[in-house]
């Protein structure tokens, strides 16, 4: 699991990557997640700026993961061309206007 997280975090530059590591308790030198103000103090930033960086970094990670999912779907379509039916969303997940939305 740790390797998968590290691999996903490689989509980010160093500062956003480390901010997420500190905020979620994933940094090597930290046992527990740090608050916005604690991370802000480490970087000499205001808490609101750390929050902005965190939100943007999470958005980049989400789009990176969604891109991987799209690549996997394309690969499967090439490997199994006879299977033209689109998969239905898992139970409980909305399927709106031809798109599945992850409501995490």
PDB file of N, CA and C in Angstrom:
ATOM      1  N   UNK A   1       0.832  -1.193   0.000  1.00  0.00           N
ATOM      2  CA  UNK A   1       0.000   0.000   0.000  1.00  0.00           C
ATOM      3  C   UNK A   1       0.876   1.255   0.000  1.00  0.00           C
ATOM      4  N   UNK A   2       1.918   1.240   0.816  1.00  0.00           N
ATOM      5  CA  UNK A   2       2.799   2.406   0.908  1.00  0.00           C
ATOM      6  C   UNK A   2       3.449   2.715  -0.443  1.00  0.00           C
ATOM      7  N   UNK A   3       3.816   1.674  -1.185  1.00  0.00           N
ATOM      8  CA  UNK A   3       4.429   1.878  -2.499  1.00  0.00           C
ATOM      9  C   UNK A   3       3.438   2.505  -3.477  1.00  0.00           C
ATOM     10  N   UNK A   4       2.169   2.081  -3.392  1.00  0.00           N
ATOM     11  CA  UNK A   4       1.152   2.652  -4.275  1.00  0.00           C
ATOM     12  C   UNK A   4       0.930   4.127  -3.965  1.00  0.00           C
ATOM     13  N   UNK A   5       0.921   4.467  -2.684  1.00  0.00           N
ATOM     14  CA  UNK A   5       0.750   5.867  -2.280  1.00  0.00           C
ATOM     15  C   UNK A   5       1.940   6.690  -2.761  1.00  0.00           C
ATOM     16  N   UNK A   6       3.148   6.182  -2.547  1.00  0.00           N
ATOM     17  CA  UNK A   6       4.345   6.895  -2.999  1.00  0.00           C
ATOM     18  C   UNK A   6       4.334   7.084  -4.514  1.00  0.00           C
ATOM     19  N   UNK A   7       3.907   6.051  -5.226  1.00  0.00           N
ATOM     20  CA  UNK A   7       3.838   6.149  -6.686  1.00  0.00           C
ATOM     21  C   UNK A   7       2.837   7.224  -7.102  1.00  0.00           C
ATOM     22  N   UNK A   8       1.679   7.262  -6.456  1.00  0.00           N
ATOM     23  CA  UNK A   8       0.666   8.273  -6.781  1.00  0.00           C
ATOM     24  C   UNK A   8       1.174   9.675  -6.469  1.00  0.00           C
ATOM     25  N   UNK A   9       1.888   9.823  -5.364  1.00  0.00           N
ATOM     26  CA  UNK A   9       2.390  11.134  -4.959  1.00  0.00           C
ATOM     27  C   UNK A   9       3.455  11.673  -5.911  1.00  0.00           C
ATOM     28  N   UNK A  10       4.055  10.806  -6.722  1.00  0.00           N
ATOM     29  CA  UNK A  10       5.081  11.247  -7.665  1.00  0.00           C
ATOM     30  C   UNK A  10       4.510  12.174  -8.734  1.00  0.00           C
ATOM     31  N   UNK A  11       3.183  12.217  -8.862  1.00  0.00           N
ATOM     32  CA  UNK A  11       2.542  13.133  -9.819  1.00  0.00           C
ATOM     33  C   UNK A  11       2.652  14.582  -9.352  1.00  0.00           C
ATOM     34  N   UNK A  12       3.056  14.782  -8.098  1.00  0.00           N
ATOM     35  CA  UNK A  12       3.126  16.124  -7.510  1.00  0.00           C
ATOM     36  C   UNK A  12       4.560  16.607  -7.411  1.00  0.00           C
ATOM     37  N   UNK A  13       4.716  17.917  -7.347  1.00  0.00           N
ATOM     38  CA  UNK A  13       6.042  18.466  -7.068  1.00  0.00           C
ATOM     39  C   UNK A  13       6.341  18.273  -5.572  1.00  0.00           C
ATOM     40  N   UNK A  14       7.544  18.582  -5.172  1.00  0.00           N
ATOM     41  CA  UNK A  14       8.014  18.234  -3.824  1.00  0.00           C
ATOM     42  C   UNK A  14       7.189  18.872  -2.713  1.00  0.00           C
ATOM     43  N   UNK A  15       6.943  20.177  -2.778  1.00  0.00           N
ATOM     44  CA  UNK A  15       6.232  20.839  -1.679  1.00  0.00           C
ATOM     45  C   UNK A  15       4.814  20.303  -1.489  1.00  0.00           C
ATOM     46  N   UNK A  16       3.980  20.224  -2.541  1.00  0.00           N
ATOM     47  CA  UNK A  16       2.639  19.658  -2.337  1.00  0.00           C
ATOM     48  C   UNK A  16       2.688  18.199  -1.868  1.00  0.00           C
ATOM     49  N   UNK A  17       3.641  17.442  -2.396  1.00  0.00           N
ATOM     50  CA  UNK A  17       3.794  16.038  -1.984  1.00  0.00           C
ATOM     51  C   UNK A  17       4.060  15.940  -0.489  1.00  0.00           C
ATOM     52  N   UNK A  18       4.995  16.756  -0.005  1.00  0.00           N
ATOM     53  CA  UNK A  18       5.339  16.710   1.416  1.00  0.00           C
ATOM     54  C   UNK A  18       4.226  17.277   2.294  1.00  0.00           C
ATOM     55  N   UNK A  19       3.523  18.275   1.795  1.00  0.00           N
ATOM     56  CA  UNK A  19       2.405  18.814   2.568  1.00  0.00           C
ATOM     57  C   UNK A  19       1.357  17.727   2.777  1.00  0.00           C
ATOM     58  N   UNK A  20       1.035  16.988   1.719  1.00  0.00           N
ATOM     59  CA  UNK A  20       0.076  15.891   1.882  1.00  0.00           C
ATOM     60  C   UNK A  20       0.610  14.826   2.830  1.00  0.00           C
ATOM     61  N   UNK A  21       1.884  14.529   2.721  1.00  0.00           N
ATOM     62  CA  UNK A  21       2.472  13.531   3.632  1.00  0.00           C
ATOM     63  C   UNK A  21       2.352  13.980   5.088  1.00  0.00           C
ATOM     64  N   UNK A  22       2.652  15.234   5.365  1.00  0.00           N
ATOM     65  CA  UNK A  22       2.519  15.745   6.734  1.00  0.00           C
ATOM     66  C   UNK A  22       1.062  15.750   7.181  1.00  0.00           C
ATOM     67  N   UNK A  23       0.171  16.229   6.310  1.00  0.00           N
ATOM     68  CA  UNK A  23      -1.244  16.355   6.680  1.00  0.00           C
ATOM     69  C   UNK A  23      -1.909  15.011   6.938  1.00  0.00           C
ATOM     70  N   UNK A  24      -1.482  13.963   6.212  1.00  0.00           N
ATOM     71  CA  UNK A  24      -2.095  12.650   6.364  1.00  0.00           C
ATOM     72  C   UNK A  24      -1.243  11.684   7.190  1.00  0.00           C
ATOM     73  N   UNK A  25      -0.176  12.189   7.806  1.00  0.00           N
ATOM     74  CA  UNK A  25       0.651  11.356   8.669  1.00  0.00           C
ATOM     75  C   UNK A  25       1.467  10.322   7.914  1.00  0.00           C
ATOM     76  N   UNK A  26       1.856  10.631   6.682  1.00  0.00           N
ATOM     77  CA  UNK A  26       2.603   9.694   5.848  1.00  0.00           C
ATOM     78  C   UNK A  26       4.092  10.023   5.775  1.00  0.00           C
ATOM     79  N   UNK A  27       4.493  11.122   6.382  1.00  0.00           N
ATOM     80  CA  UNK A  27       5.897  11.533   6.336  1.00  0.00           C
ATOM     81  C   UNK A  27       6.720  10.658   7.271  1.00  0.00           C
ATOM     82  N   UNK A  28       7.929  10.321   6.856  1.00  0.00           N
ATOM     83  CA  UNK A  28       8.798   9.423   7.628  1.00  0.00           C
ATOM     84  C   UNK A  28       9.061   9.924   9.045  1.00  0.00           C
ATOM     85  N   UNK A  29       9.187  11.232   9.203  1.00  0.00           N
ATOM     86  CA  UNK A  29       9.581  11.796  10.499  1.00  0.00           C
ATOM     87  C   UNK A  29       8.404  12.139  11.402  1.00  0.00           C
ATOM     88  N   UNK A  30       7.184  11.814  10.971  1.00  0.00           N
ATOM     89  CA  UNK A  30       5.999  12.215  11.724  1.00  0.00           C
ATOM     90  C   UNK A  30       5.125  10.987  11.969  1.00  0.00           C
ATOM     91  N   UNK A  31       4.715  10.815  13.237  1.00  0.00           N
ATOM     92  CA  UNK A  31       3.882   9.660  13.575  1.00  0.00           C
ATOM     93  C   UNK A  31       2.396   9.912  13.337  1.00  0.00           C
ATOM     94  N   UNK A  32       1.951  11.136  13.535  1.00  0.00           N
ATOM     95  CA  UNK A  32       0.540  11.480  13.399  1.00  0.00           C
ATOM     96  C   UNK A  32       0.375  12.609  12.393  1.00  0.00           C
ATOM     97  N   UNK A  33      -0.817  12.728  11.815  1.00  0.00           N
ATOM     98  CA  UNK A  33      -1.065  13.844  10.896  1.00  0.00           C
ATOM     99  C   UNK A  33      -0.868  15.182  11.598  1.00  0.00           C
ATOM    100  N   UNK A  34      -0.355  16.158  10.873  1.00  0.00           N
ATOM    101  CA  UNK A  34      -0.175  17.498  11.416  1.00  0.00           C
ATOM    102  C   UNK A  34      -1.354  18.372  11.011  1.00  0.00           C
ATOM    103  N   UNK A  35      -1.655  19.352  11.831  1.00  0.00           N
ATOM    104  CA  UNK A  35      -2.727  20.296  11.519  1.00  0.00           C
ATOM    105  C   UNK A  35      -2.257  21.267  10.446  1.00  0.00           C
ATOM    106  N   UNK A  36      -3.209  21.997   9.882  1.00  0.00           N
ATOM    107  CA  UNK A  36      -2.862  23.020   8.894  1.00  0.00           C
ATOM    108  C   UNK A  36      -1.863  24.013   9.468  1.00  0.00           C
ATOM    109  N   UNK A  37      -2.105  24.450  10.713  1.00  0.00           N
ATOM    110  CA  UNK A  37      -1.213  25.453  11.309  1.00  0.00           C
ATOM    111  C   UNK A  37       0.178  24.883  11.561  1.00  0.00           C
ATOM    112  N   UNK A  38       0.280  23.609  11.921  1.00  0.00           N
ATOM    113  CA  UNK A  38       1.602  22.995  12.136  1.00  0.00           C
ATOM    114  C   UNK A  38       2.379  22.904  10.823  1.00  0.00           C
ATOM    115  N   UNK A  39       1.707  22.505   9.760  1.00  0.00           N
ATOM    116  CA  UNK A  39       2.374  22.429   8.447  1.00  0.00           C
ATOM    117  C   UNK A  39       2.719  23.828   7.965  1.00  0.00           C
ATOM    118  N   UNK A  40       1.828  24.786   8.185  1.00  0.00           N
ATOM    119  CA  UNK A  40       2.094  26.176   7.793  1.00  0.00           C
ATOM    120  C   UNK A  40       3.342  26.702   8.492  1.00  0.00           C
ATOM    121  N   UNK A  41       3.485  26.391   9.755  1.00  0.00           N
ATOM    122  CA  UNK A  41       4.661  26.826  10.506  1.00  0.00           C
ATOM    123  C   UNK A  41       5.935  26.203   9.947  1.00  0.00           C
ATOM    124  N   UNK A  42       5.867  24.935   9.566  1.00  0.00           N
ATOM    125  CA  UNK A  42       7.043  24.269   8.974  1.00  0.00           C
ATOM    126  C   UNK A  42       7.505  24.951   7.693  1.00  0.00           C
ATOM    127  N   UNK A  43       6.545  25.405   6.886  1.00  0.00           N
ATOM    128  CA  UNK A  43       6.862  25.991   5.586  1.00  0.00           C
ATOM    129  C   UNK A  43       6.889  27.516   5.582  1.00  0.00           C
ATOM    130  N   UNK A  44       6.573  28.121   6.701  1.00  0.00           N
ATOM    131  CA  UNK A  44       6.554  29.578   6.749  1.00  0.00           C
ATOM    132  C   UNK A  44       5.429  30.169   5.923  1.00  0.00           C
ATOM    133  N   UNK A  45       4.307  29.461   5.890  1.00  0.00           N
ATOM    134  CA  UNK A  45       3.138  29.902   5.125  1.00  0.00           C
ATOM    135  C   UNK A  45       1.967  30.140   6.061  1.00  0.00           C
ATOM    136  N   UNK A  46       0.923  30.747   5.533  1.00  0.00           N
ATOM    137  CA  UNK A  46      -0.312  30.877   6.294  1.00  0.00           C
ATOM    138  C   UNK A  46      -1.106  29.582   6.144  1.00  0.00           C
ATOM    139  N   UNK A  47      -1.913  29.271   7.152  1.00  0.00           N
ATOM    140  CA  UNK A  47      -2.707  28.042   7.137  1.00  0.00           C
ATOM    141  C   UNK A  47      -3.597  27.956   5.905  1.00  0.00           C
ATOM    142  N   UNK A  48      -4.169  29.087   5.495  1.00  0.00           N
ATOM    143  CA  UNK A  48      -5.047  29.079   4.337  1.00  0.00           C
ATOM    144  C   UNK A  48      -4.294  28.686   3.065  1.00  0.00           C
ATOM    145  N   UNK A  49      -3.039  29.114   2.945  1.00  0.00           N
ATOM    146  CA  UNK A  49      -2.237  28.751   1.769  1.00  0.00           C
ATOM    147  C   UNK A  49      -1.936  27.256   1.777  1.00  0.00           C
ATOM    148  N   UNK A  50      -1.661  26.692   2.934  1.00  0.00           N
ATOM    149  CA  UNK A  50      -1.419  25.246   3.030  1.00  0.00           C
ATOM    150  C   UNK A  50      -2.685  24.494   2.615  1.00  0.00           C
ATOM    151  N   UNK A  51      -3.845  24.982   3.058  1.00  0.00           N
ATOM    152  CA  UNK A  51      -5.108  24.350   2.690  1.00  0.00           C
ATOM    153  C   UNK A  51      -5.313  24.400   1.175  1.00  0.00           C
ATOM    154  N   UNK A  52      -4.994  25.548   0.556  1.00  0.00           N
ATOM    155  CA  UNK A  52      -5.126  25.686  -0.895  1.00  0.00           C
ATOM    156  C   UNK A  52      -4.219  24.692  -1.617  1.00  0.00           C
ATOM    157  N   UNK A  53      -2.984  24.587  -1.159  1.00  0.00           N
ATOM    158  CA  UNK A  53      -2.032  23.651  -1.772  1.00  0.00           C
ATOM    159  C   UNK A  53      -2.537  22.219  -1.613  1.00  0.00           C
ATOM    160  N   UNK A  54      -3.064  21.904  -0.435  1.00  0.00           N
ATOM    161  CA  UNK A  54      -3.594  20.563  -0.179  1.00  0.00           C
ATOM    162  C   UNK A  54      -4.752  20.241  -1.122  1.00  0.00           C
ATOM    163  N   UNK A  55      -5.686  21.168  -1.276  1.00  0.00           N
ATOM    164  CA  UNK A  55      -6.850  20.955  -2.143  1.00  0.00           C
ATOM    165  C   UNK A  55      -6.402  20.761  -3.591  1.00  0.00           C
ATOM    166  N   UNK A  56      -5.496  21.598  -4.057  1.00  0.00           N
ATOM    167  CA  UNK A  56      -5.006  21.479  -5.435  1.00  0.00           C
ATOM    168  C   UNK A  56      -4.251  20.167  -5.643  1.00  0.00           C
ATOM    169  N   UNK A  57      -3.446  19.784  -4.667  1.00  0.00           N
ATOM    170  CA  UNK A  57      -2.684  18.538  -4.770  1.00  0.00           C
ATOM    171  C   UNK A  57      -3.622  17.339  -4.828  1.00  0.00           C
ATOM    172  N   UNK A  58      -4.666  17.347  -4.022  1.00  0.00           N
ATOM    173  CA  UNK A  58      -5.639  16.252  -4.053  1.00  0.00           C
ATOM    174  C   UNK A  58      -6.367  16.203  -5.390  1.00  0.00           C
ATOM    175  N   UNK A  59      -6.635  17.361  -5.974  1.00  0.00           N
ATOM    176  CA  UNK A  59      -7.290  17.404  -7.289  1.00  0.00           C
ATOM    177  C   UNK A  59      -6.369  16.820  -8.362  1.00  0.00           C
ATOM    178  N   UNK A  60      -5.085  17.137  -8.283  1.00  0.00           N
ATOM    179  CA  UNK A  60      -4.116  16.578  -9.231  1.00  0.00           C
ATOM    180  C   UNK A  60      -4.058  15.064  -9.082  1.00  0.00           C
ATOM    181  N   UNK A  61      -4.026  14.580  -7.849  1.00  0.00           N
ATOM    182  CA  UNK A  61      -3.996  13.137  -7.623  1.00  0.00           C
ATOM    183  C   UNK A  61      -5.249  12.467  -8.168  1.00  0.00           C
ATOM    184  N   UNK A  62      -6.395  13.079  -7.946  1.00  0.00           N
ATOM    185  CA  UNK A  62      -7.646  12.497  -8.430  1.00  0.00           C
ATOM    186  C   UNK A  62      -7.650  12.418  -9.955  1.00  0.00           C
ATOM    187  N   UNK A  63      -7.219  13.485 -10.614  1.00  0.00           N
ATOM    188  CA  UNK A  63      -7.202  13.458 -12.069  1.00  0.00           C
ATOM    189  C   UNK A  63      -6.173  12.458 -12.581  1.00  0.00           C
ATOM    190  N   UNK A  64      -5.079  12.281 -11.853  1.00  0.00           N
ATOM    191  CA  UNK A  64      -4.070  11.296 -12.222  1.00  0.00           C
ATOM    192  C   UNK A  64      -4.641   9.887 -12.128  1.00  0.00           C
ATOM    193  N   UNK A  65      -5.354   9.620 -11.055  1.00  0.00           N
ATOM    194  CA  UNK A  65      -5.971   8.299 -10.869  1.00  0.00           C
ATOM    195  C   UNK A  65      -7.041   8.072 -11.924  1.00  0.00           C
ATOM    196  N   UNK A  66      -7.860   9.084 -12.197  1.00  0.00           N
ATOM    197  CA  UNK A  66      -8.899   8.956 -13.222  1.00  0.00           C
ATOM    198  C   UNK A  66      -8.281   8.706 -14.583  1.00  0.00           C
ATOM    199  N   UNK A  67      -7.144   9.328 -14.859  1.00  0.00           N
ATOM    200  CA  UNK A  67      -6.438   9.085 -16.116  1.00  0.00           C
ATOM    201  C   UNK A  67      -5.969   7.653 -16.213  1.00  0.00           C
ATOM    202  N   UNK A  68      -5.491   7.084 -15.094  1.00  0.00           N
ATOM    203  CA  UNK A  68      -5.075   5.686 -15.075  1.00  0.00           C
ATOM    204  C   UNK A  68      -6.261   4.766 -15.333  1.00  0.00           C
ATOM    205  N   UNK A  69      -7.411   5.112 -14.781  1.00  0.00           N
ATOM    206  CA  UNK A  69      -8.617   4.303 -14.992  1.00  0.00           C
ATOM    207  C   UNK A  69      -9.005   4.339 -16.465  1.00  0.00           C
ATOM    208  N   UNK A  70      -8.963   5.534 -17.077  1.00  0.00           N
ATOM    209  CA  UNK A  70      -9.300   5.644 -18.501  1.00  0.00           C
ATOM    210  C   UNK A  70      -8.337   4.820 -19.353  1.00  0.00           C
ATOM    211  N   UNK A  71      -7.033   4.859 -19.020  1.00  0.00           N
ATOM    212  CA  UNK A  71      -6.048   4.067 -19.758  1.00  0.00           C
ATOM    213  C   UNK A  71      -6.353   2.580 -19.630  1.00  0.00           C
ATOM    214  N   UNK A  72      -6.719   2.150 -18.417  1.00  0.00           N
ATOM    215  CA  UNK A  72      -7.043   0.742 -18.201  1.00  0.00           C
ATOM    216  C   UNK A  72      -8.268   0.335 -19.014  1.00  0.00           C
ATOM    217  N   UNK A  73      -9.275   1.200 -19.058  1.00  0.00           N
ATOM    218  CA  UNK A  73     -10.481   0.898 -19.833  1.00  0.00           C
ATOM    219  C   UNK A  73     -10.169   0.804 -21.322  1.00  0.00           C
ATOM    220  N   UNK A  74      -9.320   1.718 -21.820  1.00  0.00           N
ATOM    221  CA  UNK A  74      -8.939   1.661 -23.235  1.00  0.00           C
ATOM    222  C   UNK A  74      -8.180   0.380 -23.532  1.00  0.00           C
ATOM    223  N   UNK A  75      -7.262   0.010 -22.617  1.00  0.00           N
ATOM    224  CA  UNK A  75      -6.485  -1.210 -22.796  1.00  0.00           C
ATOM    225  C   UNK A  75      -7.406  -2.425 -22.834  1.00  0.00           C
ATOM    226  N   UNK A  76      -8.402  -2.456 -21.941  1.00  0.00           N
ATOM    227  CA  UNK A  76      -9.336  -3.575 -21.925  1.00  0.00           C
ATOM    228  C   UNK A  76     -10.163  -3.608 -23.207  1.00  0.00           C
ATOM    229  N   UNK A  77     -10.548  -2.446 -23.714  1.00  0.00           N
ATOM    230  CA  UNK A  77     -11.325  -2.393 -24.949  1.00  0.00           C
ATOM    231  C   UNK A  77     -10.516  -2.941 -26.122  1.00  0.00           C
ATOM    232  N   UNK A  78      -9.215  -2.689 -26.120  1.00  0.00           N
ATOM    233  CA  UNK A  78      -8.361  -3.218 -27.174  1.00  0.00           C
ATOM    234  C   UNK A  78      -8.164  -4.724 -27.026  1.00  0.00           C
ATOM    235  N   UNK A  79      -8.060  -5.194 -25.803  1.00  0.00           N
ATOM    236  CA  UNK A  79      -7.837  -6.618 -25.563  1.00  0.00           C
ATOM    237  C   UNK A  79      -9.100  -7.438 -25.757  1.00  0.00           C
ATOM    238  N   UNK A  80     -10.257  -6.840 -25.481  1.00  0.00           N
ATOM    239  CA  UNK A  80     -11.530  -7.541 -25.573  1.00  0.00           C
ATOM    240  C   UNK A  80     -12.503  -6.740 -26.451  1.00  0.00           C
ATOM    241  N   UNK A  81     -12.236  -6.629 -27.745  1.00  0.00           N
ATOM    242  CA  UNK A  81     -13.051  -5.773 -28.608  1.00  0.00           C
ATOM    243  C   UNK A  81     -14.494  -6.238 -28.759  1.00  0.00           C
ATOM    244  N   UNK A  82     -14.789  -7.511 -28.528  1.00  0.00           N
ATOM    245  CA  UNK A  82     -16.161  -8.003 -28.677  1.00  0.00           C
ATOM    246  C   UNK A  82     -17.057  -7.554 -27.541  1.00  0.00           C
ATOM    247  N   UNK A  83     -16.468  -7.148 -26.441  1.00  0.00           N
ATOM    248  CA  UNK A  83     -17.236  -6.725 -25.278  1.00  0.00           C
ATOM    249  C   UNK A  83     -17.533  -5.236 -25.411  1.00  0.00           C
ATOM    250  N   UNK A  84     -18.553  -4.901 -26.189  1.00  0.00           N
ATOM    251  CA  UNK A  84     -18.848  -3.501 -26.470  1.00  0.00           C
ATOM    252  C   UNK A  84     -19.779  -2.868 -25.453  1.00  0.00           C
ATOM    253  N   UNK A  85     -20.418  -3.668 -24.629  1.00  0.00           N
ATOM    254  CA  UNK A  85     -21.338  -3.108 -23.632  1.00  0.00           C
ATOM    255  C   UNK A  85     -20.553  -2.375 -22.563  1.00  0.00           C
ATOM    256  N   UNK A  86     -21.005  -1.189 -22.225  1.00  0.00           N
ATOM    257  CA  UNK A  86     -20.326  -0.447 -21.168  1.00  0.00           C
ATOM    258  C   UNK A  86     -20.695  -1.050 -19.825  1.00  0.00           C
ATOM    259  N   UNK A  87     -19.749  -1.147 -18.909  1.00  0.00           N
ATOM    260  CA  UNK A  87     -20.046  -1.735 -17.612  1.00  0.00           C
ATOM    261  C   UNK A  87     -20.993  -0.848 -16.820  1.00  0.00           C
ATOM    262  N   UNK A  88     -21.895  -1.474 -16.108  1.00  0.00           N
ATOM    263  CA  UNK A  88     -22.797  -0.696 -15.267  1.00  0.00           C
ATOM    264  C   UNK A  88     -22.070  -0.336 -13.983  1.00  0.00           C
ATOM    265  N   UNK A  89     -22.429   0.783 -13.363  1.00  0.00           N
ATOM    266  CA  UNK A  89     -21.750   1.197 -12.139  1.00  0.00           C
ATOM    267  C   UNK A  89     -22.072   0.231 -11.005  1.00  0.00           C
ATOM    268  N   UNK A  90     -21.174   0.128 -10.027  1.00  0.00           N
ATOM    269  CA  UNK A  90     -21.443  -0.725  -8.875  1.00  0.00           C
ATOM    270  C   UNK A  90     -22.699  -0.257  -8.150  1.00  0.00           C
ATOM    271  N   UNK A  91     -23.323  -1.170  -7.436  1.00  0.00           N
ATOM    272  CA  UNK A  91     -24.525  -0.859  -6.680  1.00  0.00           C
ATOM    273  C   UNK A  91     -24.275   0.341  -5.783  1.00  0.00           C
ATOM    274  N   UNK A  92     -25.186   1.294  -5.826  1.00  0.00           N
ATOM    275  CA  UNK A  92     -25.081   2.461  -4.964  1.00  0.00           C
ATOM    276  C   UNK A  92     -24.317   3.619  -5.574  1.00  0.00           C
ATOM    277  N   UNK A  93     -23.627   3.388  -6.692  1.00  0.00           N
ATOM    278  CA  UNK A  93     -22.885   4.479  -7.320  1.00  0.00           C
ATOM    279  C   UNK A  93     -23.743   5.069  -8.439  1.00  0.00           C
ATOM    280  N   UNK A  94     -23.964   6.379  -8.421  1.00  0.00           N
ATOM    281  CA  UNK A  94     -24.825   6.981  -9.436  1.00  0.00           C
ATOM    282  C   UNK A  94     -24.214   6.900 -10.819  1.00  0.00           C
ATOM    283  N   UNK A  95     -25.068   6.821 -11.795  1.00  0.00           N
ATOM    284  CA  UNK A  95     -24.647   6.803 -13.190  1.00  0.00           C
ATOM    285  C   UNK A  95     -25.469   7.883 -13.885  1.00  0.00           C
ATOM    286  N   UNK A  96     -24.852   9.046 -14.094  1.00  0.00           N
ATOM    287  CA  UNK A  96     -25.584  10.205 -14.585  1.00  0.00           C
ATOM    288  C   UNK A  96     -25.088  10.625 -15.954  1.00  0.00           C
ATOM    289  N   UNK A  97     -25.990  10.757 -16.890  1.00  0.00           N
ATOM    290  CA  UNK A  97     -25.683  11.272 -18.219  1.00  0.00           C
ATOM    291  C   UNK A  97     -24.508  10.554 -18.867  1.00  0.00           C
ATOM    292  N   UNK A  98     -24.432   9.247 -18.681  1.00  0.00           N
ATOM    293  CA  UNK A  98     -23.365   8.471 -19.315  1.00  0.00           C
ATOM    294  C   UNK A  98     -22.045   8.511 -18.580  1.00  0.00           C
ATOM    295  N   UNK A  99     -21.967   9.173 -17.427  1.00  0.00           N
ATOM    296  CA  UNK A  99     -20.725   9.264 -16.674  1.00  0.00           C
ATOM    297  C   UNK A  99     -20.942   8.746 -15.257  1.00  0.00           C
ATOM    298  N   UNK A 100     -19.960   8.051 -14.754  1.00  0.00           N
ATOM    299  CA  UNK A 100     -20.002   7.659 -13.344  1.00  0.00           C
ATOM    300  C   UNK A 100     -19.294   8.728 -12.538  1.00  0.00           C
ATOM    301  N   UNK A 101     -19.848   9.091 -11.415  1.00  0.00           N
ATOM    302  CA  UNK A 101     -19.238  10.118 -10.579  1.00  0.00           C
ATOM    303  C   UNK A 101     -18.851   9.503  -9.261  1.00  0.00           C
ATOM    304  N   UNK A 102     -17.610   9.721  -8.870  1.00  0.00           N
ATOM    305  CA  UNK A 102     -17.119   9.221  -7.603  1.00  0.00           C
ATOM    306  C   UNK A 102     -17.445  10.254  -6.547  1.00  0.00           C
ATOM    307  N   UNK A 103     -18.313   9.914  -5.620  1.00  0.00           N
ATOM    308  CA  UNK A 103     -18.778  10.862  -4.627  1.00  0.00           C
ATOM    309  C   UNK A 103     -18.097  10.657  -3.290  1.00  0.00           C
ATOM    310  N   UNK A 104     -16.802  10.699  -3.300  1.00  0.00           N
ATOM    311  CA  UNK A 104     -16.032  10.514  -2.054  1.00  0.00           C
ATOM    312  C   UNK A 104     -15.929  11.805  -1.323  1.00  0.00           C
TER     313      UNK A 104
END
